[in-house]
Amino acid sequence: MLLWAFGFSLLYALHGFGCEGGWHEIRIAGGMLFRWVMVSVWVLLCIAGLAVIWWIRSVPAGFERRLGFASALVGCAATVVTGAPVTITSACV
């Protein structure tokens, strides 16, 4: 869940910074720089969440492992769900 909180804050901070900095007007590799940066950060956060889930599998079985695994799954799903709107759509006006 800490990774989700960090990722949520990072994505929304990048969104504000990118909109204010004019990233949505810069074209690179057939797309907007803004979209490339946002999607890249979002995908890296999702991969980091999956890495945490993989790491938790190495913890000995027990309540702590189940709790950590469930928390990591919830955080990974939350990263996907809450990151999609700000990443996929560009609301810079």
N, C-alpha and C. Protein backbone atom coordinates (compact mmCIF):
# COMPACT_ATOMS: atom_id res chain seq x y z
N MET A 1 0.82 -1.19 0.00
CA MET A 1 0.00 0.00 0.00
C MET A 1 0.87 1.26 0.00
N LEU A 2 2.07 1.17 0.56
CA LEU A 2 2.97 2.32 0.53
C LEU A 2 3.39 2.65 -0.90
N LEU A 3 3.61 1.61 -1.70
CA LEU A 3 3.97 1.83 -3.10
C LEU A 3 2.81 2.51 -3.83
N TRP A 4 1.58 2.10 -3.54
CA TRP A 4 0.42 2.74 -4.16
C TRP A 4 0.34 4.22 -3.77
N ALA A 5 0.50 4.51 -2.50
CA ALA A 5 0.43 5.91 -2.04
C ALA A 5 1.51 6.75 -2.70
N PHE A 6 2.71 6.20 -2.79
CA PHE A 6 3.81 6.90 -3.46
C PHE A 6 3.49 7.11 -4.93
N GLY A 7 3.03 6.05 -5.59
CA GLY A 7 2.71 6.12 -7.01
C GLY A 7 1.58 7.08 -7.31
N PHE A 8 0.55 7.06 -6.48
CA PHE A 8 -0.58 7.97 -6.65
C PHE A 8 -0.11 9.42 -6.56
N SER A 9 0.67 9.72 -5.56
CA SER A 9 1.19 11.08 -5.39
C SER A 9 2.12 11.46 -6.54
N LEU A 10 2.97 10.53 -6.96
CA LEU A 10 3.91 10.80 -8.04
C LEU A 10 3.18 11.07 -9.36
N LEU A 11 2.19 10.25 -9.69
CA LEU A 11 1.47 10.44 -10.95
C LEU A 11 0.74 11.78 -10.99
N TYR A 12 0.07 12.11 -9.91
CA TYR A 12 -0.66 13.37 -9.90
C TYR A 12 0.28 14.58 -9.85
N ALA A 13 1.41 14.44 -9.20
CA ALA A 13 2.40 15.52 -9.20
C ALA A 13 2.99 15.70 -10.60
N LEU A 14 3.31 14.59 -11.28
CA LEU A 14 3.81 14.68 -12.65
C LEU A 14 2.77 15.28 -13.58
N HIS A 15 1.51 14.93 -13.36
CA HIS A 15 0.44 15.48 -14.18
C HIS A 15 0.40 17.01 -14.06
N GLY A 16 0.42 17.49 -12.84
CA GLY A 16 0.41 18.94 -12.63
C GLY A 16 1.65 19.60 -13.19
N PHE A 17 2.80 19.00 -12.94
CA PHE A 17 4.07 19.55 -13.43
C PHE A 17 4.10 19.55 -14.95
N GLY A 18 3.65 18.45 -15.56
CA GLY A 18 3.65 18.34 -17.02
C GLY A 18 2.69 19.32 -17.68
N CYS A 19 1.51 19.47 -17.11
CA CYS A 19 0.54 20.43 -17.67
C CYS A 19 1.07 21.85 -17.56
N GLU A 20 1.61 22.18 -16.41
CA GLU A 20 2.13 23.54 -16.21
C GLU A 20 3.37 23.79 -17.06
N GLY A 21 4.18 22.76 -17.26
CA GLY A 21 5.41 22.90 -18.03
C GLY A 21 5.21 22.84 -19.54
N GLY A 22 3.99 22.58 -19.98
CA GLY A 22 3.72 22.53 -21.41
C GLY A 22 4.13 21.24 -22.09
N TRP A 23 4.25 20.15 -21.33
CA TRP A 23 4.64 18.86 -21.91
C TRP A 23 3.62 18.36 -22.91
N HIS A 24 2.36 18.73 -22.72
CA HIS A 24 1.30 18.23 -23.61
C HIS A 24 1.40 18.84 -25.01
N GLU A 25 2.21 19.86 -25.19
CA GLU A 25 2.39 20.48 -26.50
C GLU A 25 3.61 19.95 -27.24
N ILE A 26 4.48 19.22 -26.57
CA ILE A 26 5.72 18.71 -27.17
C ILE A 26 5.45 17.34 -27.78
N ARG A 27 5.76 17.20 -29.05
CA ARG A 27 5.59 15.92 -29.76
C ARG A 27 6.92 15.19 -29.84
N ILE A 28 6.88 13.88 -29.56
CA ILE A 28 8.09 13.06 -29.65
C ILE A 28 7.67 11.64 -30.03
N ALA A 29 8.35 11.05 -30.99
CA ALA A 29 8.11 9.68 -31.44
C ALA A 29 6.63 9.43 -31.77
N GLY A 30 6.02 10.37 -32.44
CA GLY A 30 4.64 10.22 -32.88
C GLY A 30 3.59 10.44 -31.81
N GLY A 31 3.99 10.83 -30.62
CA GLY A 31 3.04 11.08 -29.54
C GLY A 31 3.48 12.24 -28.68
N MET A 32 2.67 12.54 -27.71
CA MET A 32 2.99 13.64 -26.81
C MET A 32 4.00 13.18 -25.76
N LEU A 33 4.95 14.05 -25.46
CA LEU A 33 5.92 13.77 -24.40
C LEU A 33 5.19 13.49 -23.09
N PHE A 34 4.14 14.27 -22.84
CA PHE A 34 3.36 14.13 -21.62
C PHE A 34 2.84 12.70 -21.46
N ARG A 35 2.25 12.17 -22.52
CA ARG A 35 1.69 10.82 -22.46
C ARG A 35 2.78 9.77 -22.28
N TRP A 36 3.91 9.93 -22.98
CA TRP A 36 5.02 8.98 -22.86
C TRP A 36 5.53 8.92 -21.41
N VAL A 37 5.71 10.07 -20.81
CA VAL A 37 6.22 10.12 -19.43
C VAL A 37 5.21 9.49 -18.47
N MET A 38 3.95 9.86 -18.58
CA MET A 38 2.93 9.37 -17.67
C MET A 38 2.75 7.85 -17.78
N VAL A 39 2.66 7.35 -18.99
CA VAL A 39 2.47 5.90 -19.18
C VAL A 39 3.70 5.14 -18.71
N SER A 40 4.89 5.67 -18.98
CA SER A 40 6.13 5.00 -18.53
C SER A 40 6.19 4.90 -17.01
N VAL A 41 5.88 5.97 -16.32
CA VAL A 41 5.90 5.96 -14.86
C VAL A 41 4.84 5.01 -14.33
N TRP A 42 3.66 5.03 -14.92
CA TRP A 42 2.56 4.16 -14.50
C TRP A 42 2.93 2.69 -14.67
N VAL A 43 3.51 2.33 -15.80
CA VAL A 43 3.92 0.94 -16.05
C VAL A 43 5.03 0.53 -15.08
N LEU A 44 5.99 1.41 -14.83
CA LEU A 44 7.06 1.09 -13.87
C LEU A 44 6.50 0.88 -12.46
N LEU A 45 5.51 1.66 -12.08
CA LEU A 45 4.88 1.46 -10.77
C LEU A 45 4.16 0.12 -10.70
N CYS A 46 3.50 -0.25 -11.78
CA CYS A 46 2.82 -1.56 -11.82
C CYS A 46 3.83 -2.69 -11.74
N ILE A 47 4.94 -2.56 -12.44
CA ILE A 47 5.99 -3.59 -12.39
C ILE A 47 6.58 -3.66 -10.99
N ALA A 48 6.78 -2.52 -10.35
CA ALA A 48 7.30 -2.51 -8.98
C ALA A 48 6.32 -3.22 -8.04
N GLY A 49 5.03 -3.00 -8.24
CA GLY A 49 4.03 -3.70 -7.43
C GLY A 49 4.09 -5.19 -7.61
N LEU A 50 4.26 -5.63 -8.85
CA LEU A 50 4.39 -7.07 -9.11
C LEU A 50 5.68 -7.62 -8.50
N ALA A 51 6.74 -6.82 -8.50
CA ALA A 51 8.00 -7.25 -7.89
C ALA A 51 7.83 -7.43 -6.38
N VAL A 52 7.07 -6.54 -5.75
CA VAL A 52 6.80 -6.68 -4.32
C VAL A 52 6.02 -7.95 -4.05
N ILE A 53 5.03 -8.24 -4.89
CA ILE A 53 4.25 -9.47 -4.74
C ILE A 53 5.17 -10.68 -4.88
N TRP A 54 6.05 -10.66 -5.87
CA TRP A 54 6.99 -11.78 -6.06
C TRP A 54 7.91 -11.92 -4.86
N TRP A 55 8.38 -10.81 -4.31
CA TRP A 55 9.28 -10.85 -3.16
C TRP A 55 8.57 -11.42 -1.93
N ILE A 56 7.30 -11.06 -1.75
CA ILE A 56 6.55 -11.53 -0.58
C ILE A 56 6.37 -13.05 -0.62
N ARG A 57 6.39 -13.62 -1.80
CA ARG A 57 6.25 -15.08 -1.91
C ARG A 57 7.40 -15.82 -1.22
N SER A 58 8.54 -15.15 -1.04
CA SER A 58 9.70 -15.80 -0.43
C SER A 58 9.63 -15.79 1.10
N VAL A 59 8.69 -15.04 1.67
CA VAL A 59 8.53 -14.98 3.12
C VAL A 59 7.90 -16.30 3.59
N PRO A 60 8.36 -16.85 4.72
CA PRO A 60 7.77 -18.09 5.21
C PRO A 60 6.26 -17.97 5.39
N ALA A 61 5.56 -19.07 5.16
CA ALA A 61 4.10 -19.09 5.25
C ALA A 61 3.64 -18.69 6.65
N GLY A 62 2.53 -18.05 6.72
CA GLY A 62 1.97 -17.63 7.99
C GLY A 62 1.07 -16.43 7.79
N PHE A 63 0.59 -15.91 8.89
CA PHE A 63 -0.33 -14.77 8.84
C PHE A 63 0.32 -13.55 8.20
N GLU A 64 1.59 -13.29 8.54
CA GLU A 64 2.28 -12.13 8.00
C GLU A 64 2.40 -12.21 6.48
N ARG A 65 2.67 -13.40 5.97
CA ARG A 65 2.78 -13.57 4.52
C ARG A 65 1.43 -13.33 3.85
N ARG A 66 0.37 -13.89 4.40
CA ARG A 66 -0.95 -13.70 3.81
C ARG A 66 -1.36 -12.23 3.84
N LEU A 67 -1.08 -11.58 4.96
CA LEU A 67 -1.42 -10.16 5.09
C LEU A 67 -0.60 -9.31 4.11
N GLY A 68 0.68 -9.57 4.02
CA GLY A 68 1.54 -8.85 3.10
C GLY A 68 1.15 -9.09 1.65
N PHE A 69 0.82 -10.33 1.33
CA PHE A 69 0.43 -10.68 -0.03
C PHE A 69 -0.88 -9.99 -0.41
N ALA A 70 -1.86 -10.02 0.49
CA ALA A 70 -3.14 -9.36 0.23
C ALA A 70 -2.96 -7.85 0.09
N SER A 71 -2.14 -7.27 0.95
CA SER A 71 -1.89 -5.84 0.88
C SER A 71 -1.20 -5.47 -0.43
N ALA A 72 -0.25 -6.28 -0.87
CA ALA A 72 0.46 -6.02 -2.12
C ALA A 72 -0.49 -6.14 -3.31
N LEU A 73 -1.38 -7.12 -3.29
CA LEU A 73 -2.35 -7.27 -4.37
C LEU A 73 -3.29 -6.07 -4.44
N VAL A 74 -3.76 -5.63 -3.28
CA VAL A 74 -4.65 -4.47 -3.24
C VAL A 74 -3.92 -3.23 -3.73
N GLY A 75 -2.68 -3.05 -3.31
CA GLY A 75 -1.90 -1.90 -3.75
C GLY A 75 -1.64 -1.92 -5.26
N CYS A 76 -1.36 -3.10 -5.79
CA CYS A 76 -1.11 -3.24 -7.23
C CYS A 76 -2.39 -2.92 -8.01
N ALA A 77 -3.51 -3.46 -7.57
CA ALA A 77 -4.79 -3.18 -8.24
C ALA A 77 -5.14 -1.70 -8.12
N ALA A 78 -4.90 -1.10 -6.97
CA ALA A 78 -5.19 0.31 -6.78
C ALA A 78 -4.31 1.18 -7.68
N THR A 79 -3.07 0.77 -7.90
CA THR A 79 -2.19 1.51 -8.79
C THR A 79 -2.73 1.50 -10.22
N VAL A 80 -3.22 0.35 -10.64
CA VAL A 80 -3.79 0.25 -11.99
C VAL A 80 -5.05 1.10 -12.11
N VAL A 81 -5.95 0.97 -11.14
CA VAL A 81 -7.25 1.65 -11.22
C VAL A 81 -7.12 3.16 -11.05
N THR A 82 -6.37 3.62 -10.08
CA THR A 82 -6.28 5.06 -9.85
C THR A 82 -5.31 5.75 -10.80
N GLY A 83 -4.39 5.00 -11.38
CA GLY A 83 -3.45 5.59 -12.32
C GLY A 83 -3.99 5.73 -13.73
N ALA A 84 -4.96 4.90 -14.08
CA ALA A 84 -5.49 4.90 -15.46
C ALA A 84 -6.08 6.26 -15.88
N PRO A 85 -6.94 6.88 -15.09
CA PRO A 85 -7.54 8.13 -15.56
C PRO A 85 -6.53 9.25 -15.81
N VAL A 86 -5.59 9.40 -14.92
CA VAL A 86 -4.62 10.49 -15.08
C VAL A 86 -3.57 10.17 -16.12
N THR A 87 -3.33 8.88 -16.37
CA THR A 87 -2.31 8.47 -17.32
C THR A 87 -2.82 8.44 -18.75
N ILE A 88 -3.98 7.87 -18.93
CA ILE A 88 -4.50 7.65 -20.29
C ILE A 88 -5.13 8.91 -20.87
N THR A 89 -5.81 9.68 -20.06
CA THR A 89 -6.45 10.89 -20.55
C THR A 89 -5.55 12.09 -20.29
N SER A 90 -5.62 13.07 -21.13
CA SER A 90 -4.86 14.29 -20.93
C SER A 90 -5.83 15.43 -20.66
N ALA A 91 -5.86 15.90 -19.44
CA ALA A 91 -6.81 16.93 -19.04
C ALA A 91 -6.15 18.31 -18.94
N CYS A 92 -5.07 18.51 -19.67
CA CYS A 92 -4.42 19.82 -19.63
C CYS A 92 -5.23 20.78 -20.49
N VAL A 93 -5.63 21.87 -19.89
CA VAL A 93 -6.43 22.86 -20.61
C VAL A 93 -5.72 24.19 -20.60
